[in-house]
Amino acid sequence: MDQDNPSSVLIDPMLALAEIWSAKAGKPLTALAERIISSSQFFARVREQRDITVRNYARVMAWLSDPANWPDERMPKAAKRIVEIMPHGADIASALAAPSSHNADPCMSTPDLGAAA
């Protein structure tokens, strides 16, 4: 894990899950990314440490956390352990599907500070 990059706490396990799925399914990561988020280069961008959206992260983690999406509907033990130790557990879809409260935040609804009055 990259100690200089706090996002690696989330990204490294996601990549590990994807790689386990890829090996078990015998398919490349590009096929997995295309299947989940319709973007075959997703994992390549992640490895390049490019930004990803929370939505795409959540979609990938929710998909990989569901045993029904694994070959023979069986998630390997290593994958199960990763899901279990993640801060959100296996319920990321529910956690991130909750309605956003950002509209209630006054900072999110203020006009652009750089705009002329």
PDB file of N, CA and C in Angstrom:
ATOM      1  N   MET A   1       0.837  -1.176   0.000  1.00  0.00           N
ATOM      2  CA  MET A   1       0.000   0.000   0.000  1.00  0.00           C
ATOM      3  C   MET A   1       0.885   1.244   0.000  1.00  0.00           C
ATOM      4  N   ASP A   2       0.566   2.228  -0.794  1.00  0.00           N
ATOM      5  CA  ASP A   2       1.316   3.467  -0.899  1.00  0.00           C
ATOM      6  C   ASP A   2       0.977   4.369   0.282  1.00  0.00           C
ATOM      7  N   GLN A   3       1.923   4.524   1.212  1.00  0.00           N
ATOM      8  CA  GLN A   3       1.654   5.314   2.407  1.00  0.00           C
ATOM      9  C   GLN A   3       1.535   6.802   2.109  1.00  0.00           C
ATOM     10  N   ASP A   4       2.043   7.248   0.969  1.00  0.00           N
ATOM     11  CA  ASP A   4       1.926   8.653   0.599  1.00  0.00           C
ATOM     12  C   ASP A   4       0.594   8.962  -0.068  1.00  0.00           C
ATOM     13  N   ASN A   5      -0.179   7.947  -0.355  1.00  0.00           N
ATOM     14  CA  ASN A   5      -1.449   8.127  -1.053  1.00  0.00           C
ATOM     15  C   ASN A   5      -2.576   7.528  -0.221  1.00  0.00           C
ATOM     16  N   PRO A   6      -3.299   8.361   0.543  1.00  0.00           N
ATOM     17  CA  PRO A   6      -4.361   7.828   1.404  1.00  0.00           C
ATOM     18  C   PRO A   6      -5.450   7.086   0.640  1.00  0.00           C
ATOM     19  N   SER A   7      -5.667   7.420  -0.621  1.00  0.00           N
ATOM     20  CA  SER A   7      -6.709   6.731  -1.384  1.00  0.00           C
ATOM     21  C   SER A   7      -6.348   5.275  -1.637  1.00  0.00           C
ATOM     22  N   SER A   8      -5.072   4.924  -1.466  1.00  0.00           N
ATOM     23  CA  SER A   8      -4.673   3.542  -1.696  1.00  0.00           C
ATOM     24  C   SER A   8      -5.351   2.587  -0.721  1.00  0.00           C
ATOM     25  N   VAL A   9      -5.846   3.094   0.403  1.00  0.00           N
ATOM     26  CA  VAL A   9      -6.579   2.268   1.358  1.00  0.00           C
ATOM     27  C   VAL A   9      -7.836   1.707   0.691  1.00  0.00           C
ATOM     28  N   LEU A  10      -8.400   2.422  -0.239  1.00  0.00           N
ATOM     29  CA  LEU A  10      -9.574   1.972  -0.979  1.00  0.00           C
ATOM     30  C   LEU A  10      -9.205   1.379  -2.334  1.00  0.00           C
ATOM     31  N   ILE A  11      -8.261   1.996  -3.012  1.00  0.00           N
ATOM     32  CA  ILE A  11      -7.919   1.599  -4.377  1.00  0.00           C
ATOM     33  C   ILE A  11      -7.203   0.253  -4.429  1.00  0.00           C
ATOM     34  N   ASP A  12      -6.230   0.039  -3.543  1.00  0.00           N
ATOM     35  CA  ASP A  12      -5.476  -1.212  -3.574  1.00  0.00           C
ATOM     36  C   ASP A  12      -6.375  -2.439  -3.398  1.00  0.00           C
ATOM     37  N   PRO A  13      -7.291  -2.445  -2.426  1.00  0.00           N
ATOM     38  CA  PRO A  13      -8.186  -3.600  -2.313  1.00  0.00           C
ATOM     39  C   PRO A  13      -9.099  -3.767  -3.525  1.00  0.00           C
ATOM     40  N   MET A  14      -9.543  -2.666  -4.126  1.00  0.00           N
ATOM     41  CA  MET A  14     -10.383  -2.767  -5.314  1.00  0.00           C
ATOM     42  C   MET A  14      -9.604  -3.427  -6.447  1.00  0.00           C
ATOM     43  N   LEU A  15      -8.356  -2.996  -6.635  1.00  0.00           N
ATOM     44  CA  LEU A  15      -7.532  -3.600  -7.680  1.00  0.00           C
ATOM     45  C   LEU A  15      -7.264  -5.077  -7.384  1.00  0.00           C
ATOM     46  N   ALA A  16      -7.016  -5.391  -6.121  1.00  0.00           N
ATOM     47  CA  ALA A  16      -6.773  -6.791  -5.750  1.00  0.00           C
ATOM     48  C   ALA A  16      -7.998  -7.654  -6.062  1.00  0.00           C
ATOM     49  N   LEU A  17      -9.182  -7.160  -5.713  1.00  0.00           N
ATOM     50  CA  LEU A  17     -10.414  -7.894  -6.025  1.00  0.00           C
ATOM     51  C   LEU A  17     -10.558  -8.101  -7.530  1.00  0.00           C
ATOM     52  N   ALA A  18     -10.313  -7.042  -8.279  1.00  0.00           N
ATOM     53  CA  ALA A  18     -10.439  -7.126  -9.736  1.00  0.00           C
ATOM     54  C   ALA A  18      -9.452  -8.146 -10.308  1.00  0.00           C
ATOM     55  N   GLU A  19      -8.244  -8.148  -9.794  1.00  0.00           N
ATOM     56  CA  GLU A  19      -7.237  -9.086 -10.290  1.00  0.00           C
ATOM     57  C   GLU A  19      -7.593 -10.527  -9.932  1.00  0.00           C
ATOM     58  N   ILE A  20      -8.144 -10.735  -8.747  1.00  0.00           N
ATOM     59  CA  ILE A  20      -8.585 -12.077  -8.358  1.00  0.00           C
ATOM     60  C   ILE A  20      -9.710 -12.535  -9.284  1.00  0.00           C
ATOM     61  N   TRP A  21     -10.679 -11.641  -9.534  1.00  0.00           N
ATOM     62  CA  TRP A  21     -11.786 -11.990 -10.440  1.00  0.00           C
ATOM     63  C   TRP A  21     -11.241 -12.332 -11.832  1.00  0.00           C
ATOM     64  N   SER A  22     -10.329 -11.504 -12.321  1.00  0.00           N
ATOM     65  CA  SER A  22      -9.760 -11.699 -13.648  1.00  0.00           C
ATOM     66  C   SER A  22      -9.081 -13.062 -13.759  1.00  0.00           C
ATOM     67  N   ALA A  23      -8.300 -13.427 -12.751  1.00  0.00           N
ATOM     68  CA  ALA A  23      -7.608 -14.715 -12.764  1.00  0.00           C
ATOM     69  C   ALA A  23      -8.607 -15.872 -12.695  1.00  0.00           C
ATOM     70  N   LYS A  24      -9.601 -15.743 -11.843  1.00  0.00           N
ATOM     71  CA  LYS A  24     -10.603 -16.810 -11.671  1.00  0.00           C
ATOM     72  C   LYS A  24     -11.453 -16.963 -12.932  1.00  0.00           C
ATOM     73  N   ALA A  25     -11.827 -15.851 -13.544  1.00  0.00           N
ATOM     74  CA  ALA A  25     -12.685 -15.889 -14.735  1.00  0.00           C
ATOM     75  C   ALA A  25     -11.899 -16.154 -16.014  1.00  0.00           C
ATOM     76  N   GLY A  26     -10.583 -15.956 -15.960  1.00  0.00           N
ATOM     77  CA  GLY A  26      -9.780 -16.124 -17.172  1.00  0.00           C
ATOM     78  C   GLY A  26     -10.039 -15.030 -18.194  1.00  0.00           C
ATOM     79  N   LYS A  27     -10.395 -13.860 -17.701  1.00  0.00           N
ATOM     80  CA  LYS A  27     -10.689 -12.725 -18.588  1.00  0.00           C
ATOM     81  C   LYS A  27      -9.853 -11.522 -18.146  1.00  0.00           C
ATOM     82  N   PRO A  28      -9.514 -10.647 -19.087  1.00  0.00           N
ATOM     83  CA  PRO A  28      -8.696  -9.484 -18.744  1.00  0.00           C
ATOM     84  C   PRO A  28      -9.488  -8.434 -17.946  1.00  0.00           C
ATOM     85  N   LEU A  29      -8.741  -7.586 -17.269  1.00  0.00           N
ATOM     86  CA  LEU A  29      -9.374  -6.500 -16.510  1.00  0.00           C
ATOM     87  C   LEU A  29     -10.179  -5.574 -17.410  1.00  0.00           C
ATOM     88  N   THR A  30      -9.767  -5.453 -18.659  1.00  0.00           N
ATOM     89  CA  THR A  30     -10.529  -4.600 -19.581  1.00  0.00           C
ATOM     90  C   THR A  30     -11.946  -5.140 -19.764  1.00  0.00           C
ATOM     91  N   ALA A  31     -12.096  -6.459 -19.816  1.00  0.00           N
ATOM     92  CA  ALA A  31     -13.430  -7.058 -19.966  1.00  0.00           C
ATOM     93  C   ALA A  31     -14.268  -6.822 -18.714  1.00  0.00           C
ATOM     94  N   LEU A  32     -13.626  -6.918 -17.560  1.00  0.00           N
ATOM     95  CA  LEU A  32     -14.333  -6.678 -16.298  1.00  0.00           C
ATOM     96  C   LEU A  32     -14.819  -5.232 -16.226  1.00  0.00           C
ATOM     97  N   ALA A  33     -13.940  -4.301 -16.531  1.00  0.00           N
ATOM     98  CA  ALA A  33     -14.307  -2.883 -16.477  1.00  0.00           C
ATOM     99  C   ALA A  33     -15.414  -2.561 -17.470  1.00  0.00           C
ATOM    100  N   GLU A  34     -15.329  -3.127 -18.648  1.00  0.00           N
ATOM    101  CA  GLU A  34     -16.363  -2.897 -19.656  1.00  0.00           C
ATOM    102  C   GLU A  34     -17.704  -3.429 -19.164  1.00  0.00           C
ATOM    103  N   ARG A  35     -17.673  -4.584 -18.518  1.00  0.00           N
ATOM    104  CA  ARG A  35     -18.899  -5.208 -18.016  1.00  0.00           C
ATOM    105  C   ARG A  35     -19.534  -4.362 -16.915  1.00  0.00           C
ATOM    106  N   ILE A  36     -18.723  -3.816 -16.020  1.00  0.00           N
ATOM    107  CA  ILE A  36     -19.268  -3.114 -14.856  1.00  0.00           C
ATOM    108  C   ILE A  36     -19.624  -1.663 -15.162  1.00  0.00           C
ATOM    109  N   ILE A  37     -18.692  -0.937 -15.774  1.00  0.00           N
ATOM    110  CA  ILE A  37     -18.933   0.500 -15.959  1.00  0.00           C
ATOM    111  C   ILE A  37     -18.834   0.968 -17.405  1.00  0.00           C
ATOM    112  N   SER A  38     -18.776   0.028 -18.326  1.00  0.00           N
ATOM    113  CA  SER A  38     -18.718   0.357 -19.760  1.00  0.00           C
ATOM    114  C   SER A  38     -17.518   1.217 -20.119  1.00  0.00           C
ATOM    115  N   SER A  39     -16.400   0.952 -19.470  1.00  0.00           N
ATOM    116  CA  SER A  39     -15.169   1.676 -19.766  1.00  0.00           C
ATOM    117  C   SER A  39     -14.000   0.718 -19.597  1.00  0.00           C
ATOM    118  N   SER A  40     -13.553   0.145 -20.699  1.00  0.00           N
ATOM    119  CA  SER A  40     -12.526  -0.898 -20.629  1.00  0.00           C
ATOM    120  C   SER A  40     -11.203  -0.409 -20.041  1.00  0.00           C
ATOM    121  N   GLN A  41     -10.945   0.877 -20.085  1.00  0.00           N
ATOM    122  CA  GLN A  41      -9.665   1.406 -19.596  1.00  0.00           C
ATOM    123  C   GLN A  41      -9.700   1.840 -18.129  1.00  0.00           C
ATOM    124  N   PHE A  42     -10.786   1.562 -17.435  1.00  0.00           N
ATOM    125  CA  PHE A  42     -10.943   1.996 -16.043  1.00  0.00           C
ATOM    126  C   PHE A  42      -9.771   1.566 -15.166  1.00  0.00           C
ATOM    127  N   PHE A  43      -9.427   0.285 -15.168  1.00  0.00           N
ATOM    128  CA  PHE A  43      -8.362  -0.185 -14.280  1.00  0.00           C
ATOM    129  C   PHE A  43      -6.996   0.328 -14.707  1.00  0.00           C
ATOM    130  N   ALA A  44      -6.788   0.546 -15.992  1.00  0.00           N
ATOM    131  CA  ALA A  44      -5.536   1.150 -16.462  1.00  0.00           C
ATOM    132  C   ALA A  44      -5.412   2.568 -15.917  1.00  0.00           C
ATOM    133  N   ARG A  45      -6.509   3.315 -15.935  1.00  0.00           N
ATOM    134  CA  ARG A  45      -6.489   4.683 -15.391  1.00  0.00           C
ATOM    135  C   ARG A  45      -6.242   4.662 -13.887  1.00  0.00           C
ATOM    136  N   VAL A  46      -6.832   3.691 -13.203  1.00  0.00           N
ATOM    137  CA  VAL A  46      -6.625   3.577 -11.755  1.00  0.00           C
ATOM    138  C   VAL A  46      -5.150   3.306 -11.462  1.00  0.00           C
ATOM    139  N   ARG A  47      -4.553   2.408 -12.220  1.00  0.00           N
ATOM    140  CA  ARG A  47      -3.130   2.092 -12.017  1.00  0.00           C
ATOM    141  C   ARG A  47      -2.232   3.289 -12.300  1.00  0.00           C
ATOM    142  N   GLU A  48      -2.669   4.161 -13.177  1.00  0.00           N
ATOM    143  CA  GLU A  48      -1.921   5.384 -13.484  1.00  0.00           C
ATOM    144  C   GLU A  48      -2.157   6.466 -12.427  1.00  0.00           C
ATOM    145  N   GLN A  49      -2.916   6.129 -11.393  1.00  0.00           N
ATOM    146  CA  GLN A  49      -3.280   7.026 -10.292  1.00  0.00           C
ATOM    147  C   GLN A  49      -4.064   8.236 -10.785  1.00  0.00           C
ATOM    148  N   ARG A  50      -4.875   8.015 -11.812  1.00  0.00           N
ATOM    149  CA  ARG A  50      -5.768   9.066 -12.276  1.00  0.00           C
ATOM    150  C   ARG A  50      -7.022   9.039 -11.425  1.00  0.00           C
ATOM    151  N   ASP A  51      -7.692  10.159 -11.350  1.00  0.00           N
ATOM    152  CA  ASP A  51      -8.904  10.266 -10.532  1.00  0.00           C
ATOM    153  C   ASP A  51     -10.017   9.387 -11.081  1.00  0.00           C
ATOM    154  N   ILE A  52     -10.803   8.850 -10.155  1.00  0.00           N
ATOM    155  CA  ILE A  52     -12.006   8.119 -10.517  1.00  0.00           C
ATOM    156  C   ILE A  52     -13.144   8.685  -9.688  1.00  0.00           C
ATOM    157  N   THR A  53     -14.350   8.460 -10.146  1.00  0.00           N
ATOM    158  CA  THR A  53     -15.496   8.972  -9.404  1.00  0.00           C
ATOM    159  C   THR A  53     -15.877   7.998  -8.293  1.00  0.00           C
ATOM    160  N   VAL A  54     -16.489   8.528  -7.272  1.00  0.00           N
ATOM    161  CA  VAL A  54     -17.002   7.694  -6.185  1.00  0.00           C
ATOM    162  C   VAL A  54     -18.045   6.740  -6.751  1.00  0.00           C
ATOM    163  N   ARG A  55     -18.832   7.223  -7.683  1.00  0.00           N
ATOM    164  CA  ARG A  55     -19.870   6.388  -8.292  1.00  0.00           C
ATOM    165  C   ARG A  55     -19.274   5.154  -8.957  1.00  0.00           C
ATOM    166  N   ASN A  56     -18.201   5.347  -9.748  1.00  0.00           N
ATOM    167  CA  ASN A  56     -17.588   4.199 -10.413  1.00  0.00           C
ATOM    168  C   ASN A  56     -16.914   3.271  -9.407  1.00  0.00           C
ATOM    169  N   TYR A  57     -16.264   3.847  -8.408  1.00  0.00           N
ATOM    170  CA  TYR A  57     -15.669   3.021  -7.352  1.00  0.00           C
ATOM    171  C   TYR A  57     -16.762   2.174  -6.698  1.00  0.00           C
ATOM    172  N   ALA A  58     -17.872   2.795  -6.358  1.00  0.00           N
ATOM    173  CA  ALA A  58     -18.966   2.091  -5.689  1.00  0.00           C
ATOM    174  C   ALA A  58     -19.540   0.999  -6.589  1.00  0.00           C
ATOM    175  N   ARG A  59     -19.693   1.299  -7.867  1.00  0.00           N
ATOM    176  CA  ARG A  59     -20.236   0.297  -8.793  1.00  0.00           C
ATOM    177  C   ARG A  59     -19.316  -0.920  -8.887  1.00  0.00           C
ATOM    178  N   VAL A  60     -18.018  -0.660  -9.001  1.00  0.00           N
ATOM    179  CA  VAL A  60     -17.053  -1.760  -9.100  1.00  0.00           C
ATOM    180  C   VAL A  60     -17.044  -2.582  -7.811  1.00  0.00           C
ATOM    181  N   MET A  61     -16.987  -1.907  -6.665  1.00  0.00           N
ATOM    182  CA  MET A  61     -16.935  -2.627  -5.392  1.00  0.00           C
ATOM    183  C   MET A  61     -18.230  -3.386  -5.120  1.00  0.00           C
ATOM    184  N   ALA A  62     -19.349  -2.794  -5.438  1.00  0.00           N
ATOM    185  CA  ALA A  62     -20.617  -3.491  -5.228  1.00  0.00           C
ATOM    186  C   ALA A  62     -20.691  -4.731  -6.119  1.00  0.00           C
ATOM    187  N   TRP A  63     -20.268  -4.604  -7.357  1.00  0.00           N
ATOM    188  CA  TRP A  63     -20.303  -5.719  -8.289  1.00  0.00           C
ATOM    189  C   TRP A  63     -19.375  -6.835  -7.827  1.00  0.00           C
ATOM    190  N   LEU A  64     -18.144  -6.468  -7.445  1.00  0.00           N
ATOM    191  CA  LEU A  64     -17.175  -7.475  -7.021  1.00  0.00           C
ATOM    192  C   LEU A  64     -17.507  -8.066  -5.649  1.00  0.00           C
ATOM    193  N   SER A  65     -18.306  -7.387  -4.863  1.00  0.00           N
ATOM    194  CA  SER A  65     -18.697  -7.876  -3.538  1.00  0.00           C
ATOM    195  C   SER A  65     -19.859  -8.865  -3.604  1.00  0.00           C
ATOM    196  N   ASP A  66     -20.457  -9.009  -4.765  1.00  0.00           N
ATOM    197  CA  ASP A  66     -21.604  -9.894  -4.926  1.00  0.00           C
ATOM    198  C   ASP A  66     -21.141 -11.246  -5.470  1.00  0.00           C
ATOM    199  N   PRO A  67     -21.255 -12.316  -4.665  1.00  0.00           N
ATOM    200  CA  PRO A  67     -20.809 -13.636  -5.123  1.00  0.00           C
ATOM    201  C   PRO A  67     -21.472 -14.080  -6.432  1.00  0.00           C
ATOM    202  N   ALA A  68     -22.650 -13.594  -6.728  1.00  0.00           N
ATOM    203  CA  ALA A  68     -23.342 -13.975  -7.961  1.00  0.00           C
ATOM    204  C   ALA A  68     -22.580 -13.533  -9.210  1.00  0.00           C
ATOM    205  N   ASN A  69     -21.681 -12.570  -9.077  1.00  0.00           N
ATOM    206  CA  ASN A  69     -20.925 -12.066 -10.221  1.00  0.00           C
ATOM    207  C   ASN A  69     -19.600 -12.795 -10.442  1.00  0.00           C
ATOM    208  N   TRP A  70     -19.315 -13.756  -9.612  1.00  0.00           N
ATOM    209  CA  TRP A  70     -18.072 -14.508  -9.732  1.00  0.00           C
ATOM    210  C   TRP A  70     -18.327 -15.796 -10.503  1.00  0.00           C
ATOM    211  N   PRO A  71     -17.270 -16.313 -11.165  1.00  0.00           N
ATOM    212  CA  PRO A  71     -17.438 -17.582 -11.874  1.00  0.00           C
ATOM    213  C   PRO A  71     -18.002 -18.648 -10.929  1.00  0.00           C
ATOM    214  N   ASP A  72     -18.956 -19.389 -11.409  1.00  0.00           N
ATOM    215  CA  ASP A  72     -19.637 -20.422 -10.624  1.00  0.00           C
ATOM    216  C   ASP A  72     -20.318 -19.856  -9.380  1.00  0.00           C
ATOM    217  N   GLU A  73     -20.525 -18.540  -9.369  1.00  0.00           N
ATOM    218  CA  GLU A  73     -21.146 -17.838  -8.238  1.00  0.00           C
ATOM    219  C   GLU A  73     -20.454 -18.155  -6.915  1.00  0.00           C
ATOM    220  N   ARG A  74     -19.143 -18.340  -6.999  1.00  0.00           N
ATOM    221  CA  ARG A  74     -18.346 -18.630  -5.799  1.00  0.00           C
ATOM    222  C   ARG A  74     -17.203 -17.640  -5.701  1.00  0.00           C
ATOM    223  N   MET A  75     -17.219 -16.842  -4.666  1.00  0.00           N
ATOM    224  CA  MET A  75     -16.167 -15.875  -4.427  1.00  0.00           C
ATOM    225  C   MET A  75     -15.011 -16.574  -3.699  1.00  0.00           C
ATOM    226  N   PRO A  76     -13.785 -16.465  -4.221  1.00  0.00           N
ATOM    227  CA  PRO A  76     -12.646 -17.088  -3.541  1.00  0.00           C
ATOM    228  C   PRO A  76     -12.445 -16.515  -2.131  1.00  0.00           C
ATOM    229  N   LYS A  77     -11.822 -17.302  -1.269  1.00  0.00           N
ATOM    230  CA  LYS A  77     -11.595 -16.875   0.115  1.00  0.00           C
ATOM    231  C   LYS A  77     -10.815 -15.569   0.187  1.00  0.00           C
ATOM    232  N   ALA A  78      -9.827 -15.415  -0.661  1.00  0.00           N
ATOM    233  CA  ALA A  78      -9.029 -14.179  -0.647  1.00  0.00           C
ATOM    234  C   ALA A  78      -9.903 -12.961  -0.946  1.00  0.00           C
ATOM    235  N   ALA A  79     -10.824 -13.116  -1.881  1.00  0.00           N
ATOM    236  CA  ALA A  79     -11.738 -12.019  -2.226  1.00  0.00           C
ATOM    237  C   ALA A  79     -12.681 -11.734  -1.065  1.00  0.00           C
ATOM    238  N   LYS A  80     -13.189 -12.783  -0.434  1.00  0.00           N
ATOM    239  CA  LYS A  80     -14.079 -12.596   0.721  1.00  0.00           C
ATOM    240  C   LYS A  80     -13.377 -11.839   1.835  1.00  0.00           C
ATOM    241  N   ARG A  81     -12.110 -12.173   2.069  1.00  0.00           N
ATOM    242  CA  ARG A  81     -11.351 -11.478   3.130  1.00  0.00           C
ATOM    243  C   ARG A  81     -11.199  -9.999   2.811  1.00  0.00           C
ATOM    244  N   ILE A  82     -10.936  -9.680   1.567  1.00  0.00           N
ATOM    245  CA  ILE A  82     -10.791  -8.271   1.177  1.00  0.00           C
ATOM    246  C   ILE A  82     -12.096  -7.528   1.432  1.00  0.00           C
ATOM    247  N   VAL A  83     -13.200  -8.105   1.014  1.00  0.00           N
ATOM    248  CA  VAL A  83     -14.504  -7.458   1.200  1.00  0.00           C
ATOM    249  C   VAL A  83     -14.788  -7.275   2.688  1.00  0.00           C
ATOM    250  N   GLU A  84     -14.460  -8.272   3.491  1.00  0.00           N
ATOM    251  CA  GLU A  84     -14.728  -8.206   4.932  1.00  0.00           C
ATOM    252  C   GLU A  84     -13.931  -7.116   5.640  1.00  0.00           C
ATOM    253  N   ILE A  85     -12.714  -6.844   5.179  1.00  0.00           N
ATOM    254  CA  ILE A  85     -11.889  -5.849   5.873  1.00  0.00           C
ATOM    255  C   ILE A  85     -12.085  -4.431   5.354  1.00  0.00           C
ATOM    256  N   MET A  86     -12.818  -4.294   4.252  1.00  0.00           N
ATOM    257  CA  MET A  86     -13.052  -2.954   3.716  1.00  0.00           C
ATOM    258  C   MET A  86     -13.881  -2.146   4.700  1.00  0.00           C
ATOM    259  N   PRO A  87     -13.643  -0.836   4.784  1.00  0.00           N
ATOM    260  CA  PRO A  87     -14.362   0.001   5.748  1.00  0.00           C
ATOM    261  C   PRO A  87     -15.878  -0.078   5.596  1.00  0.00           C
ATOM    262  N   HIS A  88     -16.373  -0.301   4.393  1.00  0.00           N
ATOM    263  CA  HIS A  88     -17.804  -0.336   4.132  1.00  0.00           C
ATOM    264  C   HIS A  88     -18.358  -1.744   4.207  1.00  0.00           C
ATOM    265  N   GLY A  89     -17.495  -2.752   4.333  1.00  0.00           N
ATOM    266  CA  GLY A  89     -17.959  -4.127   4.306  1.00  0.00           C
ATOM    267  C   GLY A  89     -18.526  -4.449   2.939  1.00  0.00           C
ATOM    268  N   ALA A  90     -19.391  -5.408   2.879  1.00  0.00           N
ATOM    269  CA  ALA A  90     -19.958  -5.826   1.603  1.00  0.00           C
ATOM    270  C   ALA A  90     -21.149  -4.974   1.202  1.00  0.00           C
ATOM    271  N   ASP A  91     -21.514  -4.031   2.031  1.00  0.00           N
ATOM    272  CA  ASP A  91     -22.736  -3.274   1.787  1.00  0.00           C
ATOM    273  C   ASP A  91     -22.463  -1.885   1.215  1.00  0.00           C
ATOM    274  N   ILE A  92     -21.483  -1.761   0.346  1.00  0.00           N
ATOM    275  CA  ILE A  92     -21.158  -0.451  -0.222  1.00  0.00           C
ATOM    276  C   ILE A  92     -22.303   0.096  -1.055  1.00  0.00           C
ATOM    277  N   ALA A  93     -23.006  -0.765  -1.743  1.00  0.00           N
ATOM    278  CA  ALA A  93     -24.096  -0.286  -2.599  1.00  0.00           C
ATOM    279  C   ALA A  93     -25.135   0.454  -1.767  1.00  0.00           C
ATOM    280  N   SER A  94     -25.500  -0.104  -0.630  1.00  0.00           N
ATOM    281  CA  SER A  94     -26.480   0.557   0.235  1.00  0.00           C
ATOM    282  C   SER A  94     -25.922   1.838   0.824  1.00  0.00           C
ATOM    283  N   ALA A  95     -24.659   1.781   1.245  1.00  0.00           N
ATOM    284  CA  ALA A  95     -24.046   2.949   1.873  1.00  0.00           C
ATOM    285  C   ALA A  95     -23.978   4.124   0.912  1.00  0.00           C
ATOM    286  N   LEU A  96     -23.653   3.859  -0.334  1.00  0.00           N
ATOM    287  CA  LEU A  96     -23.492   4.944  -1.296  1.00  0.00           C
ATOM    288  C   LEU A  96     -24.760   5.255  -2.068  1.00  0.00           C
ATOM    289  N   ALA A  97     -25.764   4.418  -1.944  1.00  0.00           N
ATOM    290  CA  ALA A  97     -27.025   4.676  -2.628  1.00  0.00           C
ATOM    291  C   ALA A  97     -27.934   5.585  -1.815  1.00  0.00           C
ATOM    292  N   ALA A  98     -27.568   5.835  -0.556  1.00  0.00           N
ATOM    293  CA  ALA A  98     -28.379   6.714   0.285  1.00  0.00           C
ATOM    294  C   ALA A  98     -28.441   8.087  -0.364  1.00  0.00           C
ATOM    295  N   PRO A  99     -29.565   8.768  -0.243  1.00  0.00           N
ATOM    296  CA  PRO A  99     -29.691  10.096  -0.845  1.00  0.00           C
ATOM    297  C   PRO A  99     -28.595  11.034  -0.348  1.00  0.00           C
ATOM    298  N   SER A 100     -28.080  11.797  -1.248  1.00  0.00           N
ATOM    299  CA  SER A 100     -27.034  12.753  -0.899  1.00  0.00           C
ATOM    300  C   SER A 100     -27.624  13.902  -0.107  1.00  0.00           C
ATOM    301  N   SER A 101     -26.887  14.318   0.900  1.00  0.00           N
ATOM    302  CA  SER A 101     -27.347  15.446   1.697  1.00  0.00           C
ATOM    303  C   SER A 101     -26.570  16.716   1.355  1.00  0.00           C
ATOM    304  N   HIS A 102     -25.783  16.670   0.254  1.00  0.00           N
ATOM    305  CA  HIS A 102     -24.960  17.838  -0.056  1.00  0.00           C
ATOM    306  C   HIS A 102     -25.794  19.084  -0.340  1.00  0.00           C
ATOM    307  N   ASN A 103     -27.022  18.937  -0.777  1.00  0.00           N
ATOM    308  CA  ASN A 103     -27.856  20.111  -1.035  1.00  0.00           C
ATOM    309  C   ASN A 103     -28.209  20.841   0.244  1.00  0.00           C
ATOM    310  N   ALA A 104     -28.199  20.113   1.367  1.00  0.00           N
ATOM    311  CA  ALA A 104     -28.501  20.737   2.649  1.00  0.00           C
ATOM    312  C   ALA A 104     -27.306  21.507   3.193  1.00  0.00           C
ATOM    313  N   ASP A 105     -26.150  21.299   2.628  1.00  0.00           N
ATOM    314  CA  ASP A 105     -24.938  21.961   3.090  1.00  0.00           C
ATOM    315  C   ASP A 105     -24.901  23.369   2.511  1.00  0.00           C
ATOM    316  N   PRO A 106     -24.918  24.403   3.382  1.00  0.00           N
ATOM    317  CA  PRO A 106     -24.928  25.772   2.866  1.00  0.00           C
ATOM    318  C   PRO A 106     -23.722  26.081   1.992  1.00  0.00           C
ATOM    319  N   CYS A 107     -22.596  25.418   2.242  1.00  0.00           N
ATOM    320  CA  CYS A 107     -21.409  25.674   1.422  1.00  0.00           C
ATOM    321  C   CYS A 107     -21.611  25.188  -0.007  1.00  0.00           C
ATOM    322  N   MET A 108     -22.436  24.176  -0.181  1.00  0.00           N
ATOM    323  CA  MET A 108     -22.663  23.626  -1.503  1.00  0.00           C
ATOM    324  C   MET A 108     -23.671  24.439  -2.294  1.00  0.00           C
ATOM    325  N   SER A 109     -24.440  25.272  -1.641  1.00  0.00           N
ATOM    326  CA  SER A 109     -25.478  26.008  -2.350  1.00  0.00           C
ATOM    327  C   SER A 109     -25.170  27.492  -2.488  1.00  0.00           C
ATOM    328  N   THR A 110     -24.012  27.925  -2.027  1.00  0.00           N
ATOM    329  CA  THR A 110     -23.679  29.339  -2.141  1.00  0.00           C
ATOM    330  C   THR A 110     -23.220  29.635  -3.555  1.00  0.00           C
ATOM    331  N   PRO A 111     -23.449  30.857  -4.004  1.00  0.00           N
ATOM    332  CA  PRO A 111     -23.016  31.224  -5.355  1.00  0.00           C
ATOM    333  C   PRO A 111     -21.500  31.182  -5.449  1.00  0.00           C
ATOM    334  N   ASP A 112     -21.007  31.109  -6.659  1.00  0.00           N
ATOM    335  CA  ASP A 112     -19.577  31.110  -6.908  1.00  0.00           C
ATOM    336  C   ASP A 112     -18.963  32.360  -6.283  1.00  0.00           C
ATOM    337  N   LEU A 113     -17.964  32.143  -5.439  1.00  0.00           N
ATOM    338  CA  LEU A 113     -17.345  33.271  -4.758  1.00  0.00           C
ATOM    339  C   LEU A 113     -16.591  34.205  -5.707  1.00  0.00           C
ATOM    340  N   GLY A 114     -16.215  33.663  -6.857  1.00  0.00           N
ATOM    341  CA  GLY A 114     -15.492  34.473  -7.813  1.00  0.00           C
ATOM    342  C   GLY A 114     -16.409  35.285  -8.743  1.00  0.00           C
ATOM    343  N   ALA A 115     -17.694  35.065  -8.668  1.00  0.00           N
ATOM    344  CA  ALA A 115     -18.623  35.742  -9.557  1.00  0.00           C
ATOM    345  C   ALA A 115     -18.837  37.194  -9.120  1.00  0.00           C
ATOM    346  N   ALA A 116     -19.071  38.024 -10.063  1.00  0.00           N
ATOM    347  CA  ALA A 116     -19.335  39.432  -9.757  1.00  0.00           C
ATOM    348  C   ALA A 116     -20.714  39.547  -9.120  1.00  0.00           C
ATOM    349  N   ALA A 117     -20.846  40.430  -8.162  1.00  0.00           N
ATOM    350  CA  ALA A 117     -22.119  40.594  -7.444  1.00  0.00           C
ATOM    351  C   ALA A 117     -23.083  41.411  -8.231  1.00  0.00           C
TER     352      ALA A 117
END
